[in-house]
Amino acid sequence: MLSKIEFKKVRDFGQIINDTFTFIRQNLKPIVKTYFIFSGLFVLGAMLSMLLQQYKTIGMINSIDGNTARNAFGFGSLYGIEYYLAVIFSFAGYASTTVAILSYIAVYVQKGNETPTTDEVWGYFKHYFFRVFGSSFLLILMLIIGFIFCLVPGFWLFPFVAMIFPIMVVENGTLGYAFNRSFKIIKDNFWLTFGTLFIIWIIVYACMSIVVLPTTIFSMIGLFSHKKPHMSLPFSMITTVLQYLCQVFTIIPIVTITLSYFSLVEQKESTGLMERISNFGNTDKPIDTRPEEY
């Protein structure tokens, strides 16, 4: 049986990817439970809002005939309150997932690699949610601006932005502190951090695509198999539901960036090594005996 994951240790690229899935496998039930308890309401709100938006959009598309681009709903009314509610709930869902999983990991580390309770996670969650939620708008706006300018600045900023949230939760830092701290710990390890996140997001998007691919294909067949534009309402609705259910996969990159954070901090500051030295001989706390690389 594998020993429990020790976060405070130096890892290379392969170890970060491998330990991401090992940690999730070891904590699958409690971590998924945490996700649905703290993020489920926001995900449900975003899903219902987007279903209403899809209903309106499909009605618009299916009402188009060969002589006019007008429709029963009117293009001007396409982006109604449903659309903006979906955006707000999606932001809140992203922030709540990030905070919930980071809170879970923070308590897990604090308890010596023991599964945290819901109350313990809630103690962290209520403290950091609005801080992360507000910061998300600014950081995503910064990334969008970066991607607009020839894509390169956006890709360059991506790992630094991703590292900000673990710093905010684990170190109880403000946005300004976390921003500066992110650049400090990623310095000299940019490509390792970027490559790790890039690969893990490819895996996540592949998993999501596999789930929604069948209904998406049927929707596209229906769209192009008629003389005029036509979309299947049931298949589009099912696709939307599956897309939001697949957001549970975003747990994976959050665990990955947190492992990267602890690895980089350990490489530069060796806090975990000092703790293990001070706890040498204490058998009450489980110790990960896998070799480290310094």
Protein backbone atom coordinates (compact mmCIF):
# COMPACT_ATOMS: atom_id res chain seq x y z
CA MET A 1 0.00 0.00 0.00
CA LEU A 2 1.33 3.44 -0.97
CA SER A 3 2.16 5.80 1.87
CA LYS A 4 0.21 9.03 2.05
CA ILE A 5 1.44 11.87 -0.12
CA GLU A 6 3.85 14.26 1.58
CA PHE A 7 3.45 17.69 -0.03
CA LYS A 8 6.54 19.33 1.42
CA LYS A 9 9.20 17.77 -0.75
CA VAL A 10 11.06 18.51 -3.96
CA ARG A 11 9.61 16.82 -7.04
CA ASP A 12 10.56 16.66 -10.69
CA PHE A 13 8.10 16.82 -13.60
CA GLY A 14 7.18 13.13 -13.53
CA GLN A 15 6.76 13.01 -9.76
CA ILE A 16 4.40 15.99 -9.76
CA ILE A 17 2.17 14.42 -12.43
CA ASN A 18 2.26 10.99 -10.78
CA ASP A 19 1.63 12.30 -7.26
CA THR A 20 -1.28 14.41 -8.51
CA PHE A 21 -3.21 11.29 -9.48
CA THR A 22 -1.96 9.33 -6.48
CA PHE A 23 -3.24 11.99 -4.08
CA ILE A 24 -6.61 12.19 -5.84
CA ARG A 25 -6.93 8.40 -5.84
CA GLN A 26 -6.10 8.21 -2.13
CA ASN A 27 -8.57 11.00 -1.28
CA LEU A 28 -11.15 10.49 -4.02
CA LYS A 29 -14.33 10.27 -1.92
CA PRO A 30 -13.60 13.09 0.57
CA ILE A 31 -12.19 15.43 -2.07
CA VAL A 32 -15.13 14.92 -4.46
CA LYS A 33 -17.48 15.35 -1.49
CA THR A 34 -15.72 18.62 -0.66
CA TYR A 35 -16.11 19.77 -4.26
CA PHE A 36 -19.86 19.18 -4.36
CA ILE A 37 -20.49 20.63 -0.90
CA PHE A 38 -18.69 23.90 -1.54
CA SER A 39 -19.01 24.28 -5.33
CA GLY A 40 -22.13 22.30 -6.20
CA LEU A 41 -24.58 25.17 -5.74
CA PHE A 42 -22.57 27.52 -7.97
CA VAL A 43 -22.11 24.86 -10.66
CA LEU A 44 -25.84 24.09 -10.57
CA GLY A 45 -26.69 27.79 -10.87
CA ALA A 46 -24.35 28.18 -13.85
CA MET A 47 -25.77 25.04 -15.46
CA LEU A 48 -29.41 26.14 -15.14
CA SER A 49 -28.59 29.64 -16.40
CA MET A 50 -26.74 28.25 -19.40
CA LEU A 51 -29.59 25.82 -20.16
CA LEU A 52 -31.94 28.80 -20.38
CA GLN A 53 -29.43 30.57 -22.59
CA GLN A 54 -29.12 27.49 -24.80
CA TYR A 55 -32.89 27.26 -25.11
CA LYS A 56 -33.03 30.86 -26.31
CA THR A 57 -30.09 30.42 -28.70
CA ILE A 58 -31.41 27.22 -30.26
CA GLY A 59 -34.83 28.81 -30.70
CA MET A 60 -33.16 31.69 -32.53
CA ILE A 61 -31.14 29.40 -34.79
CA ASN A 62 -34.02 27.07 -35.61
CA SER A 63 -36.31 29.98 -36.46
CA ILE A 64 -33.99 31.28 -39.20
CA ASP A 65 -35.36 30.72 -42.72
CA GLY A 66 -33.78 31.21 -46.09
CA ASN A 67 -35.09 34.73 -46.63
CA THR A 68 -34.36 36.55 -43.41
CA ALA A 69 -31.83 36.67 -40.63
CA ARG A 70 -34.45 37.78 -38.19
CA ASN A 71 -36.01 35.37 -35.73
CA ALA A 72 -38.77 35.15 -33.17
CA PHE A 73 -36.55 36.21 -30.31
CA GLY A 74 -34.47 38.89 -31.99
CA PHE A 75 -30.69 38.99 -31.95
CA GLY A 76 -30.71 41.92 -29.56
CA SER A 77 -32.41 39.85 -26.86
CA LEU A 78 -30.03 36.89 -27.19
CA TYR A 79 -27.75 37.93 -24.32
CA GLY A 80 -30.25 38.39 -21.54
CA ILE A 81 -30.03 37.96 -17.80
CA GLU A 82 -29.52 34.20 -18.23
CA TYR A 83 -26.19 34.78 -19.96
CA TYR A 84 -24.86 37.16 -17.31
CA LEU A 85 -26.04 34.89 -14.50
CA ALA A 86 -24.18 32.01 -16.17
CA VAL A 87 -21.00 34.12 -16.28
CA ILE A 88 -21.28 35.16 -12.62
CA PHE A 89 -22.07 31.64 -11.42
CA SER A 90 -19.19 30.26 -13.52
CA PHE A 91 -16.75 32.70 -11.90
CA ALA A 92 -18.09 31.79 -8.48
CA GLY A 93 -17.86 28.08 -9.31
CA TYR A 94 -14.26 28.46 -10.41
CA ALA A 95 -13.35 30.41 -7.27
CA SER A 96 -15.21 28.04 -4.93
CA THR A 97 -13.59 24.96 -6.48
CA THR A 98 -10.14 26.51 -6.19
CA VAL A 99 -10.65 27.58 -2.57
CA ALA A 100 -12.32 24.32 -1.52
CA ILE A 101 -9.56 22.08 -2.88
CA LEU A 102 -6.76 24.34 -1.64
CA SER A 103 -8.43 24.48 1.78
CA TYR A 104 -8.67 20.69 1.80
CA ILE A 105 -4.96 20.38 1.00
CA ALA A 106 -3.94 23.07 3.50
CA VAL A 107 -5.75 21.26 6.33
CA TYR A 108 -4.42 17.91 5.08
CA VAL A 109 -0.85 19.20 5.34
CA GLN A 110 -1.46 20.91 8.67
CA LYS A 111 -2.87 17.68 10.17
CA GLY A 112 0.15 15.65 9.09
CA ASN A 113 -1.35 14.09 5.95
CA GLU A 114 -4.68 13.21 7.52
CA THR A 115 -8.09 13.63 5.87
CA PRO A 116 -9.72 16.90 6.94
CA THR A 117 -13.33 17.18 8.05
CA THR A 118 -15.91 19.34 6.32
CA ASP A 119 -15.93 21.77 9.25
CA GLU A 120 -12.16 22.18 9.04
CA VAL A 121 -12.34 22.90 5.31
CA TRP A 122 -15.21 25.34 5.91
CA GLY A 123 -13.02 27.28 8.34
CA TYR A 124 -10.57 27.98 5.53
CA PHE A 125 -13.18 28.32 2.80
CA LYS A 126 -15.20 31.10 4.41
CA HIS A 127 -12.01 33.07 5.07
CA TYR A 128 -10.56 32.90 1.55
CA PHE A 129 -13.52 32.60 -0.83
CA PHE A 130 -14.23 36.30 -1.39
CA ARG A 131 -10.53 37.09 -1.54
CA VAL A 132 -10.00 34.56 -4.33
CA PHE A 133 -13.30 35.42 -6.03
CA GLY A 134 -12.41 39.10 -6.26
CA SER A 135 -8.84 38.38 -7.33
CA SER A 136 -10.05 36.04 -10.09
CA PHE A 137 -11.61 38.89 -12.06
CA LEU A 138 -8.40 40.92 -12.06
CA LEU A 139 -6.15 37.97 -12.86
CA ILE A 140 -8.33 36.61 -15.67
CA LEU A 141 -8.54 40.12 -17.15
CA MET A 142 -4.75 40.30 -17.03
CA LEU A 143 -4.47 36.94 -18.81
CA ILE A 144 -6.97 38.00 -21.48
CA ILE A 145 -4.97 41.17 -22.16
CA GLY A 146 -1.81 39.05 -22.30
CA PHE A 147 -3.32 36.64 -24.82
CA ILE A 148 -4.58 39.52 -26.97
CA PHE A 149 -1.01 40.73 -27.41
CA CYS A 150 0.25 37.96 -29.70
CA LEU A 151 -0.55 35.14 -27.20
CA VAL A 152 3.02 34.98 -25.85
CA PRO A 153 2.50 37.30 -22.82
CA GLY A 154 -0.58 35.31 -21.85
CA PHE A 155 1.25 31.99 -21.93
CA TRP A 156 4.16 33.54 -20.03
CA LEU A 157 1.86 34.88 -17.29
CA PHE A 158 -0.19 31.68 -16.97
CA PRO A 159 2.03 29.76 -14.49
CA PHE A 160 2.58 32.86 -12.33
CA VAL A 161 -1.17 33.51 -12.13
CA ALA A 162 -1.93 29.87 -11.36
CA MET A 163 0.59 29.88 -8.50
CA ILE A 164 -1.03 32.90 -6.84
CA PHE A 165 -4.00 31.03 -5.36
CA PRO A 166 -2.03 28.34 -3.46
CA ILE A 167 0.09 31.12 -1.98
CA MET A 168 -2.98 33.09 -0.91
CA VAL A 169 -4.51 30.10 0.90
CA VAL A 170 -1.48 28.25 2.26
CA GLU A 171 0.44 31.37 3.32
CA ASN A 172 -2.59 33.56 4.09
CA GLY A 173 -1.31 36.15 1.65
CA THR A 174 -2.94 39.15 0.03
CA LEU A 175 -3.16 39.40 -3.76
CA GLY A 176 -0.16 41.74 -3.89
CA TYR A 177 1.94 39.51 -1.65
CA ALA A 178 0.95 36.36 -3.57
CA PHE A 179 1.70 38.02 -6.91
CA ASN A 180 5.24 38.97 -5.89
CA ARG A 181 5.80 35.65 -4.12
CA SER A 182 4.73 33.77 -7.24
CA PHE A 183 7.44 35.40 -9.36
CA LYS A 184 9.99 34.77 -6.63
CA ILE A 185 9.44 31.03 -6.26
CA ILE A 186 8.96 30.30 -9.98
CA LYS A 187 12.14 32.16 -10.89
CA ASP A 188 14.63 29.71 -12.50
CA ASN A 189 11.85 27.06 -12.68
CA PHE A 190 9.54 28.62 -15.25
CA TRP A 191 9.69 25.88 -17.85
CA LEU A 192 9.17 23.10 -15.31
CA THR A 193 6.08 24.85 -13.93
CA PHE A 194 4.72 25.81 -17.34
CA GLY A 195 5.31 22.34 -18.81
CA THR A 196 3.69 20.60 -15.86
CA LEU A 197 0.56 22.76 -16.05
CA PHE A 198 0.42 22.51 -19.84
CA ILE A 199 0.48 18.71 -19.81
CA ILE A 200 -2.03 18.37 -16.97
CA TRP A 201 -4.48 20.73 -18.72
CA ILE A 202 -4.16 18.68 -21.91
CA ILE A 203 -5.12 15.60 -19.88
CA VAL A 204 -8.05 17.43 -18.28
CA TYR A 205 -9.40 18.76 -21.58
CA ALA A 206 -9.02 15.30 -23.13
CA CYS A 207 -11.11 13.79 -20.31
CA MET A 208 -13.77 16.47 -20.72
CA SER A 209 -13.85 16.05 -24.50
CA ILE A 210 -14.31 12.30 -24.28
CA VAL A 211 -17.38 12.78 -22.06
CA VAL A 212 -19.13 15.38 -24.24
CA LEU A 213 -17.94 14.14 -27.65
CA PRO A 214 -20.88 11.79 -28.47
CA THR A 215 -23.63 14.37 -27.87
CA THR A 216 -21.57 17.07 -29.61
CA ILE A 217 -21.24 14.89 -32.72
CA PHE A 218 -24.97 14.20 -32.82
CA SER A 219 -25.68 17.92 -32.42
CA MET A 220 -23.37 18.77 -35.33
CA ILE A 221 -24.93 16.08 -37.52
CA GLY A 222 -28.36 17.54 -36.83
CA LEU A 223 -27.11 21.05 -37.58
CA PHE A 224 -25.74 20.22 -41.04
CA SER A 225 -28.18 17.52 -42.12
CA HIS A 226 -31.06 19.96 -42.72
CA LYS A 227 -31.58 22.39 -45.55
CA LYS A 228 -31.69 25.27 -43.08
CA PRO A 229 -29.84 25.63 -39.75
CA HIS A 230 -31.32 23.32 -37.17
CA MET A 231 -30.02 22.26 -33.76
CA SER A 232 -31.34 19.46 -31.60
CA LEU A 233 -32.59 20.90 -28.32
CA PRO A 234 -32.27 17.61 -26.32
CA PHE A 235 -28.70 16.90 -27.48
CA SER A 236 -27.63 20.51 -26.86
CA MET A 237 -29.11 20.43 -23.38
CA ILE A 238 -27.42 17.11 -22.56
CA THR A 239 -24.10 18.48 -23.83
CA THR A 240 -24.43 21.54 -21.59
CA VAL A 241 -25.21 19.39 -18.53
CA LEU A 242 -22.22 17.12 -19.25
CA GLN A 243 -19.92 20.11 -19.69
CA TYR A 244 -20.77 21.43 -16.25
CA LEU A 245 -20.56 17.99 -14.63
CA CYS A 246 -17.10 17.66 -16.17
CA GLN A 247 -15.92 20.64 -14.16
CA VAL A 248 -15.13 18.14 -11.42
CA PHE A 249 -12.00 17.41 -13.49
CA THR A 250 -10.67 20.88 -12.59
CA ILE A 251 -9.71 19.36 -9.26
CA ILE A 252 -6.74 17.79 -11.06
CA PRO A 253 -4.83 20.97 -12.09
CA ILE A 254 -5.50 22.54 -8.68
CA VAL A 255 -3.75 19.61 -7.00
CA THR A 256 -0.95 19.82 -9.58
CA ILE A 257 -0.23 23.52 -9.03
CA THR A 258 -0.30 22.99 -5.26
CA LEU A 259 2.25 20.17 -5.50
CA SER A 260 4.36 22.45 -7.72
CA TYR A 261 4.08 25.23 -5.13
CA PHE A 262 5.28 23.04 -2.26
CA SER A 263 8.05 21.59 -4.43
CA LEU A 264 9.39 25.02 -5.41
CA VAL A 265 9.17 26.36 -1.86
CA GLU A 266 10.95 23.28 -0.55
CA GLN A 267 13.65 23.63 -3.19
CA LYS A 268 14.35 27.23 -2.19
CA GLU A 269 13.63 27.19 1.55
CA SER A 270 13.72 23.52 2.68
CA THR A 271 10.96 24.07 5.25
CA GLY A 272 9.64 20.53 4.94
CA LEU A 273 13.11 19.05 5.34
CA MET A 274 13.64 21.05 8.52
CA GLU A 275 10.30 19.82 9.86
CA ARG A 276 11.18 16.20 9.13
CA ILE A 277 14.53 16.61 10.84
CA SER A 278 12.87 18.11 13.91
CA ASN A 279 10.30 15.29 13.93
CA PHE A 280 12.89 12.55 13.46
CA GLY A 281 11.98 9.59 15.65
CA ASN A 282 8.36 10.65 16.02
CA THR A 283 6.39 7.64 14.76
CA ASP A 284 2.99 9.27 15.25
CA LYS A 285 3.29 11.22 12.02
CA PRO A 286 3.48 9.22 8.77
CA ILE A 287 6.60 9.93 6.75
CA ASP A 288 6.88 9.60 2.98
CA THR A 289 10.04 7.54 2.49
CA ARG A 290 10.31 7.95 -1.25
CA PRO A 291 13.64 9.51 -2.34
CA GLU A 292 13.83 13.27 -2.82
CA GLU A 293 15.96 15.22 -5.24
CA TYR A 294 17.67 18.39 -4.05
